[in-house]
Amino acid sequence: MSRNASAHITSVAVFILYLGVLVYLCFGHPTAFFKVPRSLWGIPIDKVIHFLMFFPYPFFAQAAFYFKNRWRSLVFVIITGIIFCFAFELLQDKITTYRTTDPWDLFYNVAAVTVGSTIIALVTLFRK
């Protein structure tokens, strides 16, 4: 197995592991394990956590699903990221009895994917 193939397999494995953690955080009861403050710099802590949960998505997805055309790859990452944001937020209300759909959670999820994707785009643009 070549170095590129093993790096790709590792990237896909890390991405799948990340998605598993994301599913647990979105649908599980993680608050049973963590005590967190109510806000951070005036922003409700659950919104900060939503942002931090989805911020790594573009980086892991870009590494796992890299196309020869970097821009096509980035568009794929953005579209799938936004689909995941909507799916996870809308399914919380349908699958669980203890979570509800919150438009502000969805906003912070999409904002995180957008900020991460923007960083990737800027790095791509200014990379030699």
C-alpha atoms as a PDB file:
ATOM      1  CA  MET A   1       0.000   0.000   0.000  1.00  0.00           C
ATOM      2  CA  SER A   2       1.390   3.377  -0.972  1.00  0.00           C
ATOM      3  CA  ARG A   3       1.855   6.241   1.441  1.00  0.00           C
ATOM      4  CA  ASN A   4      -0.969   8.218  -0.218  1.00  0.00           C
ATOM      5  CA  ALA A   5      -3.368   5.273   0.016  1.00  0.00           C
ATOM      6  CA  SER A   6      -2.665   4.732   3.712  1.00  0.00           C
ATOM      7  CA  ALA A   7      -3.005   8.473   4.384  1.00  0.00           C
ATOM      8  CA  HIS A   8      -6.348   8.454   2.579  1.00  0.00           C
ATOM      9  CA  ILE A   9      -7.573   5.431   4.556  1.00  0.00           C
ATOM     10  CA  THR A  10      -6.510   7.142   7.780  1.00  0.00           C
ATOM     11  CA  SER A  11      -8.316  10.349   6.758  1.00  0.00           C
ATOM     12  CA  VAL A  12     -11.518   8.448   6.009  1.00  0.00           C
ATOM     13  CA  ALA A  13     -11.254   6.535   9.317  1.00  0.00           C
ATOM     14  CA  VAL A  14     -10.769   9.760  11.289  1.00  0.00           C
ATOM     15  CA  PHE A  15     -13.711  11.344   9.448  1.00  0.00           C
ATOM     16  CA  ILE A  16     -15.951   8.376  10.286  1.00  0.00           C
ATOM     17  CA  LEU A  17     -14.833   8.519  13.929  1.00  0.00           C
ATOM     18  CA  TYR A  18     -15.590  12.258  13.987  1.00  0.00           C
ATOM     19  CA  LEU A  19     -19.083  11.613  12.563  1.00  0.00           C
ATOM     20  CA  GLY A  20     -19.661   9.003  15.267  1.00  0.00           C
ATOM     21  CA  VAL A  21     -18.744  11.500  17.986  1.00  0.00           C
ATOM     22  CA  LEU A  22     -20.950  14.103  16.315  1.00  0.00           C
ATOM     23  CA  VAL A  23     -23.907  11.701  16.265  1.00  0.00           C
ATOM     24  CA  TYR A  24     -23.386  10.943  19.952  1.00  0.00           C
ATOM     25  CA  LEU A  25     -23.153  14.615  20.869  1.00  0.00           C
ATOM     26  CA  CYS A  26     -26.260  15.483  18.847  1.00  0.00           C
ATOM     27  CA  PHE A  27     -28.466  12.564  19.893  1.00  0.00           C
ATOM     28  CA  GLY A  28     -26.990  11.271  23.158  1.00  0.00           C
ATOM     29  CA  HIS A  29     -27.044  12.611  26.691  1.00  0.00           C
ATOM     30  CA  PRO A  30     -23.560  14.165  26.918  1.00  0.00           C
ATOM     31  CA  THR A  31     -24.673  16.631  29.604  1.00  0.00           C
ATOM     32  CA  ALA A  32     -24.828  13.717  32.029  1.00  0.00           C
ATOM     33  CA  PHE A  33     -21.023  13.605  31.886  1.00  0.00           C
ATOM     34  CA  PHE A  34     -20.127  17.284  31.652  1.00  0.00           C
ATOM     35  CA  LYS A  35     -20.851  20.270  33.844  1.00  0.00           C
ATOM     36  CA  VAL A  36     -20.569  23.441  31.763  1.00  0.00           C
ATOM     37  CA  PRO A  37     -21.191  27.127  32.480  1.00  0.00           C
ATOM     38  CA  ARG A  38     -24.357  28.718  31.121  1.00  0.00           C
ATOM     39  CA  SER A  39     -22.574  31.233  28.879  1.00  0.00           C
ATOM     40  CA  LEU A  40     -19.183  32.171  27.494  1.00  0.00           C
ATOM     41  CA  TRP A  41     -18.571  35.878  26.845  1.00  0.00           C
ATOM     42  CA  GLY A  42     -22.323  36.433  26.847  1.00  0.00           C
ATOM     43  CA  ILE A  43     -23.020  33.711  24.250  1.00  0.00           C
ATOM     44  CA  PRO A  44     -25.114  30.780  25.498  1.00  0.00           C
ATOM     45  CA  ILE A  45     -22.723  27.851  25.970  1.00  0.00           C
ATOM     46  CA  ASP A  46     -24.853  25.446  23.936  1.00  0.00           C
ATOM     47  CA  LYS A  47     -24.410  27.711  20.894  1.00  0.00           C
ATOM     48  CA  VAL A  48     -20.632  27.769  21.415  1.00  0.00           C
ATOM     49  CA  ILE A  49     -20.653  23.975  21.681  1.00  0.00           C
ATOM     50  CA  HIS A  50     -22.710  23.662  18.483  1.00  0.00           C
ATOM     51  CA  PHE A  51     -20.185  25.854  16.675  1.00  0.00           C
ATOM     52  CA  LEU A  52     -17.234  23.864  18.039  1.00  0.00           C
ATOM     53  CA  MET A  53     -18.857  20.532  17.140  1.00  0.00           C
ATOM     54  CA  PHE A  54     -19.277  21.423  13.463  1.00  0.00           C
ATOM     55  CA  PHE A  55     -16.172  23.595  12.968  1.00  0.00           C
ATOM     56  CA  PRO A  56     -13.856  20.598  12.296  1.00  0.00           C
ATOM     57  CA  TYR A  57     -16.237  19.124   9.709  1.00  0.00           C
ATOM     58  CA  PRO A  58     -14.773  20.894   6.644  1.00  0.00           C
ATOM     59  CA  PHE A  59     -11.207  19.952   7.583  1.00  0.00           C
ATOM     60  CA  PHE A  60     -11.961  16.258   8.164  1.00  0.00           C
ATOM     61  CA  ALA A  61     -14.250  16.032   5.124  1.00  0.00           C
ATOM     62  CA  GLN A  62     -11.725  17.792   2.877  1.00  0.00           C
ATOM     63  CA  ALA A  63      -9.039  15.313   3.920  1.00  0.00           C
ATOM     64  CA  ALA A  64     -11.325  12.295   3.490  1.00  0.00           C
ATOM     65  CA  PHE A  65     -12.953  13.295   0.194  1.00  0.00           C
ATOM     66  CA  TYR A  66     -10.258  15.085  -1.727  1.00  0.00           C
ATOM     67  CA  PHE A  67     -10.826  15.495  -5.458  1.00  0.00           C
ATOM     68  CA  LYS A  68      -8.188  16.545  -7.985  1.00  0.00           C
ATOM     69  CA  ASN A  69     -10.001  19.845  -8.352  1.00  0.00           C
ATOM     70  CA  ARG A  70      -9.687  21.528  -4.938  1.00  0.00           C
ATOM     71  CA  TRP A  71     -12.639  23.843  -5.553  1.00  0.00           C
ATOM     72  CA  ARG A  72     -14.934  20.982  -6.506  1.00  0.00           C
ATOM     73  CA  SER A  73     -13.787  19.259  -3.337  1.00  0.00           C
ATOM     74  CA  LEU A  74     -14.592  22.342  -1.269  1.00  0.00           C
ATOM     75  CA  VAL A  75     -18.064  22.718  -2.813  1.00  0.00           C
ATOM     76  CA  PHE A  76     -18.732  19.058  -1.983  1.00  0.00           C
ATOM     77  CA  VAL A  77     -17.601  19.660   1.612  1.00  0.00           C
ATOM     78  CA  ILE A  78     -19.801  22.747   1.996  1.00  0.00           C
ATOM     79  CA  ILE A  79     -22.898  21.071   0.548  1.00  0.00           C
ATOM     80  CA  THR A  80     -22.507  17.880   2.596  1.00  0.00           C
ATOM     81  CA  GLY A  81     -21.710  19.922   5.706  1.00  0.00           C
ATOM     82  CA  ILE A  82     -24.868  21.978   5.408  1.00  0.00           C
ATOM     83  CA  ILE A  83     -26.900  18.830   4.719  1.00  0.00           C
ATOM     84  CA  PHE A  84     -25.479  17.254   7.894  1.00  0.00           C
ATOM     85  CA  CYS A  85     -26.246  20.424   9.864  1.00  0.00           C
ATOM     86  CA  PHE A  86     -29.881  20.389   8.762  1.00  0.00           C
ATOM     87  CA  ALA A  87     -30.260  16.619   9.159  1.00  0.00           C
ATOM     88  CA  PHE A  88     -28.803  16.466  12.660  1.00  0.00           C
ATOM     89  CA  GLU A  89     -30.772  19.441  13.907  1.00  0.00           C
ATOM     90  CA  LEU A  90     -34.097  18.398  12.374  1.00  0.00           C
ATOM     91  CA  LEU A  91     -33.740  14.741  13.405  1.00  0.00           C
ATOM     92  CA  GLN A  92     -33.117  15.634  17.058  1.00  0.00           C
ATOM     93  CA  ASP A  93     -36.797  16.470  17.427  1.00  0.00           C
ATOM     94  CA  LYS A  94     -37.947  13.348  15.566  1.00  0.00           C
ATOM     95  CA  ILE A  95     -35.612  10.705  17.020  1.00  0.00           C
ATOM     96  CA  THR A  96     -35.301  11.800  20.636  1.00  0.00           C
ATOM     97  CA  THR A  97     -37.771  12.821  23.298  1.00  0.00           C
ATOM     98  CA  TYR A  98     -35.271  14.980  25.183  1.00  0.00           C
ATOM     99  CA  ARG A  99     -33.920  17.186  22.365  1.00  0.00           C
ATOM    100  CA  THR A 100     -35.715  19.762  20.233  1.00  0.00           C
ATOM    101  CA  THR A 101     -34.987  21.533  16.977  1.00  0.00           C
ATOM    102  CA  ASP A 102     -33.611  25.028  17.576  1.00  0.00           C
ATOM    103  CA  PRO A 103     -33.120  27.419  14.633  1.00  0.00           C
ATOM    104  CA  TRP A 104     -30.247  29.127  16.475  1.00  0.00           C
ATOM    105  CA  ASP A 105     -28.454  25.797  16.893  1.00  0.00           C
ATOM    106  CA  LEU A 106     -28.846  25.284  13.157  1.00  0.00           C
ATOM    107  CA  PHE A 107     -27.482  28.786  12.546  1.00  0.00           C
ATOM    108  CA  TYR A 108     -24.350  28.090  14.613  1.00  0.00           C
ATOM    109  CA  ASN A 109     -23.880  24.673  12.969  1.00  0.00           C
ATOM    110  CA  VAL A 110     -23.984  26.213   9.483  1.00  0.00           C
ATOM    111  CA  ALA A 111     -21.813  29.145  10.622  1.00  0.00           C
ATOM    112  CA  ALA A 112     -19.158  26.691  11.801  1.00  0.00           C
ATOM    113  CA  VAL A 113     -19.135  24.816   8.477  1.00  0.00           C
ATOM    114  CA  THR A 114     -18.993  28.150   6.639  1.00  0.00           C
ATOM    115  CA  VAL A 115     -16.108  29.525   8.714  1.00  0.00           C
ATOM    116  CA  GLY A 116     -14.133  26.281   8.391  1.00  0.00           C
ATOM    117  CA  SER A 117     -14.747  26.162   4.644  1.00  0.00           C
ATOM    118  CA  THR A 118     -13.716  29.818   4.301  1.00  0.00           C
ATOM    119  CA  ILE A 119     -10.427  29.045   6.046  1.00  0.00           C
ATOM    120  CA  ILE A 120      -9.823  26.166   3.630  1.00  0.00           C
ATOM    121  CA  ALA A 121     -10.642  28.433   0.667  1.00  0.00           C
ATOM    122  CA  LEU A 122      -8.253  31.148   1.869  1.00  0.00           C
ATOM    123  CA  VAL A 123      -5.452  28.633   2.434  1.00  0.00           C
ATOM    124  CA  THR A 124      -6.094  27.197  -1.026  1.00  0.00           C
ATOM    125  CA  LEU A 125      -6.017  30.647  -2.617  1.00  0.00           C
ATOM    126  CA  PHE A 126      -2.827  31.812  -0.966  1.00  0.00           C
ATOM    127  CA  ARG A 127      -0.946  28.525  -1.005  1.00  0.00           C
ATOM    128  CA  LYS A 128       2.036  28.512  -3.315  1.00  0.00           C
END
